[in-house]
Amino acid sequence: MSFKENKNFKSDADSFSETEISPNKKLTTKQKQTAREIFAKYNLSELSKDEAKIIFNKLENAGIHGLGISEAAKEAGLDPNKFWILAYGRQQRGASGKW
């Protein structure tokens, strides 16, 4: 039986609301503190590619995604685009290639 045939199956899209993906959503106070703690463990002026990837993973594991990572990087004093390029090169971010 495929997912389409199973009437009890609900995809994430069924419950996804516009407010959850709003580009204007800001980090919570707790998320900002978590991001500060993550960035504080690294020398940001000499950040390596591997360290940048680790930071991305830690932020995502803490529930900070997309524009939230951009906001966190800015608060840490980093250019979000340069931070992305350091970690992932010119690989696109999402469908639009933007945060």
Protein backbone atom coordinates (compact mmCIF):
# COMPACT_ATOMS: atom_id res chain seq x y z
CA MET A 1 0.00 0.00 0.00
CA SER A 2 1.41 3.39 -0.93
CA PHE A 3 1.22 6.47 1.26
CA LYS A 4 -1.43 7.94 -1.04
CA GLU A 5 -3.59 4.85 -0.62
CA ASN A 6 -3.29 4.89 3.18
CA LYS A 7 -6.02 7.24 4.41
CA ASN A 8 -4.44 7.38 7.88
CA PHE A 9 -1.16 8.71 6.51
CA LYS A 10 -0.47 12.39 7.15
CA SER A 11 2.56 14.11 5.76
CA ASP A 12 4.39 16.98 7.37
CA ALA A 13 2.83 19.21 4.72
CA ASP A 14 -0.64 18.44 6.12
CA SER A 15 0.17 20.21 9.38
CA PHE A 16 2.71 22.77 8.21
CA SER A 17 1.54 26.31 8.84
CA GLU A 18 2.69 29.54 7.26
CA THR A 19 3.79 30.88 10.64
CA GLU A 20 6.30 28.05 11.05
CA ILE A 21 8.19 29.06 7.92
CA SER A 22 7.85 32.83 8.14
CA PRO A 23 11.07 34.55 7.09
CA ASN A 24 10.42 37.21 9.75
CA LYS A 25 10.55 34.73 12.63
CA LYS A 26 13.23 35.74 15.13
CA LEU A 27 15.25 33.54 17.45
CA THR A 28 13.90 33.10 20.94
CA THR A 29 15.95 34.28 23.91
CA LYS A 30 16.84 30.66 24.68
CA GLN A 31 17.93 30.00 21.08
CA LYS A 32 20.09 33.14 21.11
CA GLN A 33 21.77 31.99 24.32
CA THR A 34 22.33 28.51 22.90
CA ALA A 35 23.84 29.98 19.72
CA ARG A 36 26.14 32.25 21.77
CA GLU A 37 27.31 29.22 23.77
CA ILE A 38 28.01 27.26 20.58
CA PHE A 39 29.93 30.08 18.88
CA ALA A 40 31.89 30.87 22.08
CA LYS A 41 33.66 27.52 21.88
CA TYR A 42 35.46 28.53 18.67
CA ASN A 43 37.95 31.16 17.58
CA LEU A 44 35.72 32.76 14.95
CA SER A 45 38.55 34.79 13.39
CA GLU A 46 40.36 31.54 12.51
CA LEU A 47 37.40 29.25 11.86
CA SER A 48 38.15 26.18 9.73
CA LYS A 49 35.80 24.53 7.26
CA ASP A 50 35.32 21.56 9.59
CA GLU A 51 34.58 23.81 12.56
CA ALA A 52 32.03 25.79 10.53
CA LYS A 53 30.25 22.54 9.59
CA ILE A 54 30.28 21.44 13.23
CA ILE A 55 28.73 24.75 14.26
CA PHE A 56 26.01 24.40 11.61
CA ASN A 57 25.21 20.90 12.86
CA LYS A 58 25.13 21.99 16.50
CA LEU A 59 22.82 24.91 15.68
CA GLU A 60 20.49 22.65 13.69
CA ASN A 61 20.49 20.05 16.48
CA ALA A 62 19.49 22.86 18.86
CA GLY A 63 16.48 23.65 16.65
CA ILE A 64 18.01 26.66 14.93
CA HIS A 65 17.54 26.47 11.17
CA GLY A 66 17.54 28.59 8.03
CA LEU A 67 17.19 32.28 8.78
CA GLY A 68 17.81 31.52 12.44
CA ILE A 69 21.35 30.40 11.59
CA SER A 70 21.83 33.59 9.61
CA GLU A 71 20.64 35.67 12.58
CA ALA A 72 22.86 33.71 14.99
CA ALA A 73 25.90 34.15 12.73
CA LYS A 74 25.29 37.91 12.53
CA GLU A 75 25.01 38.14 16.31
CA ALA A 76 28.32 36.26 16.59
CA GLY A 77 29.93 38.87 14.33
CA LEU A 78 30.09 36.71 11.22
CA ASP A 79 28.89 37.45 7.72
CA PRO A 80 26.25 34.72 7.25
CA ASN A 81 27.05 34.21 3.56
CA LYS A 82 30.79 33.90 4.18
CA PHE A 83 30.04 31.52 7.06
CA TRP A 84 27.95 29.34 4.72
CA ILE A 85 30.59 29.42 1.98
CA LEU A 86 33.30 28.45 4.46
CA ALA A 87 31.30 25.40 5.53
CA TYR A 88 29.69 24.33 2.26
CA GLY A 89 31.31 26.20 -0.59
CA ARG A 90 28.99 27.50 -3.28
CA GLN A 91 26.40 24.76 -2.70
CA GLN A 92 22.91 26.28 -2.74
CA ARG A 93 20.95 26.83 0.44
CA GLY A 94 17.44 25.50 0.05
CA ALA A 95 15.35 25.70 -3.10
CA SER A 96 15.91 29.44 -3.54
CA GLY A 97 19.61 29.38 -2.68
CA LYS A 98 18.92 31.84 0.12
CA TRP A 99 18.68 31.54 3.89
